């Protein structure tokens, strides 16, 4: 194969991958799968898609090598094929926010304006966890926590926050995290904690980003 033909095939393959990402529904499915494995039925319920549409989008993502699947009884489960997809998705989000004023305004309205304190970066959080001077809470649903969470975190789903306050020490700072930089669960959790006197901040990113970086995670039995 000559150089020109090889180059054409490479660009064709890259374009096919980009095309697979060219759907808001498929981007949302990948965002959900970044939290852990899901059945088709659960994915349909969480994204508000029909089962047929969910299956069709997953078929495209599977053909592009972005998700893997397994069958267990009558159910089919999907998961991200590679954690390197997470920084790709974050890159798309960051570029879109930088270059499209409307997206930046939406992000400011939904997240930035609701949290006046600078979020904690992942590297800073890792240092503080190693030093043992911070409490880390995962405010995603219990099922997502069980599938995988940052090592050392405790599960305090946003819907259960008031009932689980006793699990959060008051004598040291608290960091809350959820699904990613555009997830509002941690924003809401931090607001509620501050009203109750906690020194609380949110993680700048989320569990998928931490896992993709190869930093310590745990899976509940």
C-alpha atoms as a PDB file:
ATOM      1  CA  UNK A   1       0.000   0.000   0.000  1.00  0.00           C
ATOM      2  CA  UNK A   2       1.424   3.405  -0.954  1.00  0.00           C
ATOM      3  CA  UNK A   3       1.666   6.320   1.465  1.00  0.00           C
ATOM      4  CA  UNK A   4      -1.289   8.244  -0.002  1.00  0.00           C
ATOM      5  CA  UNK A   5      -3.611   5.231   0.231  1.00  0.00           C
ATOM      6  CA  UNK A   6      -2.523   4.529   3.800  1.00  0.00           C
ATOM      7  CA  UNK A   7      -3.134   8.144   4.773  1.00  0.00           C
ATOM      8  CA  UNK A   8      -6.592   8.089   3.148  1.00  0.00           C
ATOM      9  CA  UNK A   9      -7.529   4.966   5.083  1.00  0.00           C
ATOM     10  CA  UNK A  10      -6.365   6.535   8.339  1.00  0.00           C
ATOM     11  CA  UNK A  11      -8.454   9.655   7.771  1.00  0.00           C
ATOM     12  CA  UNK A  12     -11.408   7.503   6.793  1.00  0.00           C
ATOM     13  CA  UNK A  13     -11.129   5.556  10.055  1.00  0.00           C
ATOM     14  CA  UNK A  14     -10.823   8.742  12.108  1.00  0.00           C
ATOM     15  CA  UNK A  15     -13.823  10.256  10.337  1.00  0.00           C
ATOM     16  CA  UNK A  16     -15.878   7.141  11.091  1.00  0.00           C
ATOM     17  CA  UNK A  17     -15.068   7.475  14.791  1.00  0.00           C
ATOM     18  CA  UNK A  18     -15.955  11.165  14.743  1.00  0.00           C
ATOM     19  CA  UNK A  19     -19.221  10.350  12.976  1.00  0.00           C
ATOM     20  CA  UNK A  20     -20.132   7.861  15.709  1.00  0.00           C
ATOM     21  CA  UNK A  21     -19.858  10.725  18.204  1.00  0.00           C
ATOM     22  CA  UNK A  22     -22.020  13.006  16.067  1.00  0.00           C
ATOM     23  CA  UNK A  23     -25.238  12.389  17.963  1.00  0.00           C
ATOM     24  CA  UNK A  24     -26.392  13.943  21.259  1.00  0.00           C
ATOM     25  CA  UNK A  25     -28.012  10.646  22.214  1.00  0.00           C
ATOM     26  CA  UNK A  26     -24.801   8.666  21.670  1.00  0.00           C
ATOM     27  CA  UNK A  27     -22.785  11.227  23.611  1.00  0.00           C
ATOM     28  CA  UNK A  28     -25.237  10.904  26.504  1.00  0.00           C
ATOM     29  CA  UNK A  29     -25.055   7.112  26.373  1.00  0.00           C
ATOM     30  CA  UNK A  30     -21.258   7.272  26.585  1.00  0.00           C
ATOM     31  CA  UNK A  31     -21.515   9.720  29.482  1.00  0.00           C
ATOM     32  CA  UNK A  32     -23.766   7.295  31.367  1.00  0.00           C
ATOM     33  CA  UNK A  33     -21.581   4.291  30.551  1.00  0.00           C
ATOM     34  CA  UNK A  34     -18.559   6.161  31.888  1.00  0.00           C
ATOM     35  CA  UNK A  35     -20.121   5.616  35.343  1.00  0.00           C
ATOM     36  CA  UNK A  36     -20.204   1.846  34.881  1.00  0.00           C
ATOM     37  CA  UNK A  37     -21.787  -1.033  33.008  1.00  0.00           C
ATOM     38  CA  UNK A  38     -25.517  -0.825  32.214  1.00  0.00           C
ATOM     39  CA  UNK A  39     -28.133  -3.043  30.608  1.00  0.00           C
ATOM     40  CA  UNK A  40     -29.935  -1.765  27.523  1.00  0.00           C
ATOM     41  CA  UNK A  41     -33.109  -1.393  29.587  1.00  0.00           C
ATOM     42  CA  UNK A  42     -31.384   0.718  32.241  1.00  0.00           C
ATOM     43  CA  UNK A  43     -29.693   2.873  29.610  1.00  0.00           C
ATOM     44  CA  UNK A  44     -33.046   3.491  27.933  1.00  0.00           C
ATOM     45  CA  UNK A  45     -34.618   4.486  31.248  1.00  0.00           C
ATOM     46  CA  UNK A  46     -31.768   6.802  32.262  1.00  0.00           C
ATOM     47  CA  UNK A  47     -31.598   8.593  28.912  1.00  0.00           C
ATOM     48  CA  UNK A  48     -35.330   8.696  28.160  1.00  0.00           C
ATOM     49  CA  UNK A  49     -34.887   6.851  24.861  1.00  0.00           C
ATOM     50  CA  UNK A  50     -36.979   3.964  23.599  1.00  0.00           C
ATOM     51  CA  UNK A  51     -35.434   0.505  23.738  1.00  0.00           C
ATOM     52  CA  UNK A  52     -35.221   0.382  19.949  1.00  0.00           C
ATOM     53  CA  UNK A  53     -33.463   3.733  19.706  1.00  0.00           C
ATOM     54  CA  UNK A  54     -31.093   2.823  22.527  1.00  0.00           C
ATOM     55  CA  UNK A  55     -30.160  -0.446  20.828  1.00  0.00           C
ATOM     56  CA  UNK A  56     -29.653   1.302  17.490  1.00  0.00           C
ATOM     57  CA  UNK A  57     -27.307   3.907  18.965  1.00  0.00           C
ATOM     58  CA  UNK A  58     -25.383   1.262  20.887  1.00  0.00           C
ATOM     59  CA  UNK A  59     -24.944  -0.706  17.669  1.00  0.00           C
ATOM     60  CA  UNK A  60     -23.266   2.318  16.066  1.00  0.00           C
ATOM     61  CA  UNK A  61     -20.995   2.801  19.077  1.00  0.00           C
ATOM     62  CA  UNK A  62     -20.120  -0.899  19.085  1.00  0.00           C
ATOM     63  CA  UNK A  63     -19.216  -0.806  15.386  1.00  0.00           C
ATOM     64  CA  UNK A  64     -16.921   2.134  16.107  1.00  0.00           C
ATOM     65  CA  UNK A  65     -15.183   0.173  18.869  1.00  0.00           C
ATOM     66  CA  UNK A  66     -16.316   2.546  21.601  1.00  0.00           C
ATOM     67  CA  UNK A  67     -18.376   0.124  23.681  1.00  0.00           C
ATOM     68  CA  UNK A  68     -18.234  -3.571  24.494  1.00  0.00           C
ATOM     69  CA  UNK A  69     -21.172  -5.812  25.268  1.00  0.00           C
ATOM     70  CA  UNK A  70     -21.915  -9.033  27.073  1.00  0.00           C
ATOM     71  CA  UNK A  71     -25.048 -11.120  27.447  1.00  0.00           C
ATOM     72  CA  UNK A  72     -26.325 -12.533  30.710  1.00  0.00           C
ATOM     73  CA  UNK A  73     -29.538 -14.526  30.437  1.00  0.00           C
ATOM     74  CA  UNK A  74     -32.075 -12.385  28.607  1.00  0.00           C
ATOM     75  CA  UNK A  75     -30.215  -9.135  29.267  1.00  0.00           C
ATOM     76  CA  UNK A  76     -27.475  -7.423  27.274  1.00  0.00           C
ATOM     77  CA  UNK A  77     -24.996  -5.221  29.124  1.00  0.00           C
ATOM     78  CA  UNK A  78     -22.759  -2.503  27.701  1.00  0.00           C
ATOM     79  CA  UNK A  79     -19.649  -0.773  29.021  1.00  0.00           C
ATOM     80  CA  UNK A  80     -17.033   1.635  27.691  1.00  0.00           C
ATOM     81  CA  UNK A  81     -14.501  -0.226  25.581  1.00  0.00           C
ATOM     82  CA  UNK A  82     -11.665   2.057  26.671  1.00  0.00           C
ATOM     83  CA  UNK A  83     -11.309   4.667  29.424  1.00  0.00           C
ATOM     84  CA  UNK A  84      -9.403   6.850  26.959  1.00  0.00           C
ATOM     85  CA  UNK A  85     -12.827   7.866  25.636  1.00  0.00           C
ATOM     86  CA  UNK A  86     -13.340   9.982  28.748  1.00  0.00           C
ATOM     87  CA  UNK A  87     -10.663  12.602  27.935  1.00  0.00           C
ATOM     88  CA  UNK A  88     -11.956  12.647  24.349  1.00  0.00           C
ATOM     89  CA  UNK A  89     -15.452  13.540  25.590  1.00  0.00           C
ATOM     90  CA  UNK A  90     -14.030  16.122  27.990  1.00  0.00           C
ATOM     91  CA  UNK A  91     -12.012  17.652  25.172  1.00  0.00           C
ATOM     92  CA  UNK A  92     -15.138  18.056  23.073  1.00  0.00           C
ATOM     93  CA  UNK A  93     -16.949  19.655  26.008  1.00  0.00           C
ATOM     94  CA  UNK A  94     -14.082  22.037  26.795  1.00  0.00           C
ATOM     95  CA  UNK A  95     -13.567  23.084  23.178  1.00  0.00           C
ATOM     96  CA  UNK A  96     -17.286  23.687  22.673  1.00  0.00           C
ATOM     97  CA  UNK A  97     -17.471  25.824  25.801  1.00  0.00           C
ATOM     98  CA  UNK A  98     -14.455  27.898  24.750  1.00  0.00           C
ATOM     99  CA  UNK A  99     -15.650  28.477  21.211  1.00  0.00           C
ATOM    100  CA  UNK A 100     -19.435  28.783  21.628  1.00  0.00           C
ATOM    101  CA  UNK A 101     -20.697  31.633  23.782  1.00  0.00           C
ATOM    102  CA  UNK A 102     -24.125  30.060  24.300  1.00  0.00           C
ATOM    103  CA  UNK A 103     -22.594  26.894  25.769  1.00  0.00           C
ATOM    104  CA  UNK A 104     -20.377  28.952  28.078  1.00  0.00           C
ATOM    105  CA  UNK A 105     -23.403  30.944  29.243  1.00  0.00           C
ATOM    106  CA  UNK A 106     -25.356  27.751  29.948  1.00  0.00           C
ATOM    107  CA  UNK A 107     -22.458  26.309  31.949  1.00  0.00           C
ATOM    108  CA  UNK A 108     -22.117  29.510  33.944  1.00  0.00           C
ATOM    109  CA  UNK A 109     -25.838  29.580  34.695  1.00  0.00           C
ATOM    110  CA  UNK A 110     -26.125  25.906  35.647  1.00  0.00           C
ATOM    111  CA  UNK A 111     -22.855  25.425  37.512  1.00  0.00           C
ATOM    112  CA  UNK A 112     -20.460  28.355  37.931  1.00  0.00           C
ATOM    113  CA  UNK A 113     -23.014  30.842  39.260  1.00  0.00           C
ATOM    114  CA  UNK A 114     -24.207  28.329  41.854  1.00  0.00           C
ATOM    115  CA  UNK A 115     -20.745  27.757  43.325  1.00  0.00           C
ATOM    116  CA  UNK A 116     -18.639  30.821  44.076  1.00  0.00           C
ATOM    117  CA  UNK A 117     -15.700  28.802  45.429  1.00  0.00           C
ATOM    118  CA  UNK A 118     -13.106  27.358  43.081  1.00  0.00           C
ATOM    119  CA  UNK A 119     -13.532  23.580  42.744  1.00  0.00           C
ATOM    120  CA  UNK A 120     -10.810  21.206  43.917  1.00  0.00           C
ATOM    121  CA  UNK A 121      -8.552  19.815  41.201  1.00  0.00           C
ATOM    122  CA  UNK A 122      -7.979  16.069  40.982  1.00  0.00           C
ATOM    123  CA  UNK A 123      -4.247  16.330  41.751  1.00  0.00           C
ATOM    124  CA  UNK A 124      -4.946  18.433  44.839  1.00  0.00           C
ATOM    125  CA  UNK A 125      -7.608  15.972  45.991  1.00  0.00           C
ATOM    126  CA  UNK A 126      -5.205  13.069  45.598  1.00  0.00           C
ATOM    127  CA  UNK A 127      -2.583  14.838  47.736  1.00  0.00           C
ATOM    128  CA  UNK A 128      -5.128  15.633  50.413  1.00  0.00           C
ATOM    129  CA  UNK A 129      -6.474  12.089  50.477  1.00  0.00           C
ATOM    130  CA  UNK A 130      -2.938  10.792  50.936  1.00  0.00           C
ATOM    131  CA  UNK A 131      -2.441  13.281  53.772  1.00  0.00           C
ATOM    132  CA  UNK A 132      -5.756  12.246  55.332  1.00  0.00           C
ATOM    133  CA  UNK A 133      -6.978  15.807  55.872  1.00  0.00           C
ATOM    134  CA  UNK A 134     -10.194  15.686  53.841  1.00  0.00           C
ATOM    135  CA  UNK A 135     -13.437  13.695  53.764  1.00  0.00           C
ATOM    136  CA  UNK A 136     -14.536  12.578  50.304  1.00  0.00           C
ATOM    137  CA  UNK A 137     -18.176  11.868  49.484  1.00  0.00           C
ATOM    138  CA  UNK A 138     -19.648  10.338  46.334  1.00  0.00           C
ATOM    139  CA  UNK A 139     -23.064  11.874  45.711  1.00  0.00           C
ATOM    140  CA  UNK A 140     -24.019   9.644  42.763  1.00  0.00           C
ATOM    141  CA  UNK A 141     -26.664   6.920  43.267  1.00  0.00           C
ATOM    142  CA  UNK A 142     -25.618   3.874  45.305  1.00  0.00           C
ATOM    143  CA  UNK A 143     -25.588   1.665  42.192  1.00  0.00           C
ATOM    144  CA  UNK A 144     -22.930   3.839  40.547  1.00  0.00           C
ATOM    145  CA  UNK A 145     -20.876   3.938  43.747  1.00  0.00           C
ATOM    146  CA  UNK A 146     -20.975   0.136  43.926  1.00  0.00           C
ATOM    147  CA  UNK A 147     -19.836  -0.191  40.303  1.00  0.00           C
ATOM    148  CA  UNK A 148     -16.767   1.903  41.042  1.00  0.00           C
ATOM    149  CA  UNK A 149     -15.716   4.905  43.125  1.00  0.00           C
ATOM    150  CA  UNK A 150     -12.658   6.889  44.145  1.00  0.00           C
ATOM    151  CA  UNK A 151     -10.716   4.976  46.783  1.00  0.00           C
ATOM    152  CA  UNK A 152     -11.528   6.273  50.241  1.00  0.00           C
ATOM    153  CA  UNK A 153     -14.865   7.847  49.321  1.00  0.00           C
ATOM    154  CA  UNK A 154     -18.074   7.225  51.221  1.00  0.00           C
ATOM    155  CA  UNK A 155     -21.453   6.949  49.520  1.00  0.00           C
ATOM    156  CA  UNK A 156     -23.785   9.842  50.253  1.00  0.00           C
ATOM    157  CA  UNK A 157     -26.255  10.054  47.336  1.00  0.00           C
ATOM    158  CA  UNK A 158     -27.762  13.496  46.951  1.00  0.00           C
ATOM    159  CA  UNK A 159     -31.260  12.105  47.550  1.00  0.00           C
ATOM    160  CA  UNK A 160     -30.035  10.623  50.866  1.00  0.00           C
ATOM    161  CA  UNK A 161     -27.853  13.531  51.979  1.00  0.00           C
ATOM    162  CA  UNK A 162     -29.892  14.650  54.974  1.00  0.00           C
ATOM    163  CA  UNK A 163     -30.297  11.082  56.250  1.00  0.00           C
ATOM    164  CA  UNK A 164     -26.589  10.302  55.908  1.00  0.00           C
ATOM    165  CA  UNK A 165     -25.110  13.480  57.380  1.00  0.00           C
ATOM    166  CA  UNK A 166     -23.904  11.517  60.393  1.00  0.00           C
ATOM    167  CA  UNK A 167     -21.420   9.733  58.105  1.00  0.00           C
ATOM    168  CA  UNK A 168     -19.673  13.018  57.277  1.00  0.00           C
ATOM    169  CA  UNK A 169     -17.228  14.317  59.943  1.00  0.00           C
ATOM    170  CA  UNK A 170     -17.659  17.984  60.784  1.00  0.00           C
ATOM    171  CA  UNK A 171     -14.079  18.502  61.967  1.00  0.00           C
ATOM    172  CA  UNK A 172     -12.429  18.573  58.534  1.00  0.00           C
ATOM    173  CA  UNK A 173     -13.116  19.806  54.998  1.00  0.00           C
ATOM    174  CA  UNK A 174     -15.412  17.844  52.709  1.00  0.00           C
ATOM    175  CA  UNK A 175     -15.060  17.319  48.961  1.00  0.00           C
ATOM    176  CA  UNK A 176     -18.065  16.078  46.972  1.00  0.00           C
ATOM    177  CA  UNK A 177     -17.859  14.522  43.532  1.00  0.00           C
ATOM    178  CA  UNK A 178     -20.270  13.075  40.996  1.00  0.00           C
ATOM    179  CA  UNK A 179     -20.253  12.144  37.295  1.00  0.00           C
ATOM    180  CA  UNK A 180     -18.138  14.865  35.738  1.00  0.00           C
ATOM    181  CA  UNK A 181     -17.540  18.608  35.325  1.00  0.00           C
ATOM    182  CA  UNK A 182     -21.089  19.273  34.106  1.00  0.00           C
ATOM    183  CA  UNK A 183     -22.873  17.152  36.696  1.00  0.00           C
ATOM    184  CA  UNK A 184     -24.940  19.305  39.067  1.00  0.00           C
ATOM    185  CA  UNK A 185     -25.255  16.682  41.824  1.00  0.00           C
ATOM    186  CA  UNK A 186     -22.057  17.795  43.550  1.00  0.00           C
ATOM    187  CA  UNK A 187     -22.999  21.477  43.136  1.00  0.00           C
ATOM    188  CA  UNK A 188     -26.288  20.868  44.938  1.00  0.00           C
ATOM    189  CA  UNK A 189     -24.622  18.722  47.611  1.00  0.00           C
ATOM    190  CA  UNK A 190     -22.029  21.385  48.390  1.00  0.00           C
ATOM    191  CA  UNK A 191     -24.722  24.058  48.682  1.00  0.00           C
ATOM    192  CA  UNK A 192     -26.682  21.947  51.167  1.00  0.00           C
ATOM    193  CA  UNK A 193     -23.589  21.065  53.197  1.00  0.00           C
ATOM    194  CA  UNK A 194     -22.475  24.688  53.488  1.00  0.00           C
ATOM    195  CA  UNK A 195     -25.917  25.653  54.818  1.00  0.00           C
ATOM    196  CA  UNK A 196     -25.358  23.080  57.564  1.00  0.00           C
ATOM    197  CA  UNK A 197     -22.000  24.487  58.526  1.00  0.00           C
ATOM    198  CA  UNK A 198     -19.655  22.192  56.596  1.00  0.00           C
ATOM    199  CA  UNK A 199     -16.505  23.433  54.893  1.00  0.00           C
ATOM    200  CA  UNK A 200     -17.434  21.881  51.551  1.00  0.00           C
ATOM    201  CA  UNK A 201     -16.136  22.121  47.991  1.00  0.00           C
ATOM    202  CA  UNK A 202     -16.719  20.062  44.872  1.00  0.00           C
ATOM    203  CA  UNK A 203     -14.288  18.118  42.727  1.00  0.00           C
ATOM    204  CA  UNK A 204     -13.583  19.845  39.424  1.00  0.00           C
ATOM    205  CA  UNK A 205     -14.065  16.654  37.407  1.00  0.00           C
ATOM    206  CA  UNK A 206     -15.702  13.337  38.343  1.00  0.00           C
ATOM    207  CA  UNK A 207     -15.259   9.616  38.846  1.00  0.00           C
ATOM    208  CA  UNK A 208     -14.751   8.727  35.138  1.00  0.00           C
ATOM    209  CA  UNK A 209     -11.938  11.261  34.847  1.00  0.00           C
ATOM    210  CA  UNK A 210     -10.244   9.938  37.997  1.00  0.00           C
ATOM    211  CA  UNK A 211     -10.493   6.360  36.738  1.00  0.00           C
ATOM    212  CA  UNK A 212      -9.231   7.282  33.260  1.00  0.00           C
ATOM    213  CA  UNK A 213      -6.184   8.889  34.878  1.00  0.00           C
ATOM    214  CA  UNK A 214      -5.329   5.539  36.447  1.00  0.00           C
ATOM    215  CA  UNK A 215      -5.674   6.778  40.024  1.00  0.00           C
ATOM    216  CA  UNK A 216      -6.911   4.495  42.855  1.00  0.00           C
ATOM    217  CA  UNK A 217     -10.502   3.303  42.674  1.00  0.00           C
ATOM    218  CA  UNK A 218     -12.534   0.723  44.554  1.00  0.00           C
ATOM    219  CA  UNK A 219     -15.467  -1.509  43.630  1.00  0.00           C
ATOM    220  CA  UNK A 220     -18.018  -2.487  46.280  1.00  0.00           C
ATOM    221  CA  UNK A 221     -18.690  -6.193  46.706  1.00  0.00           C
END
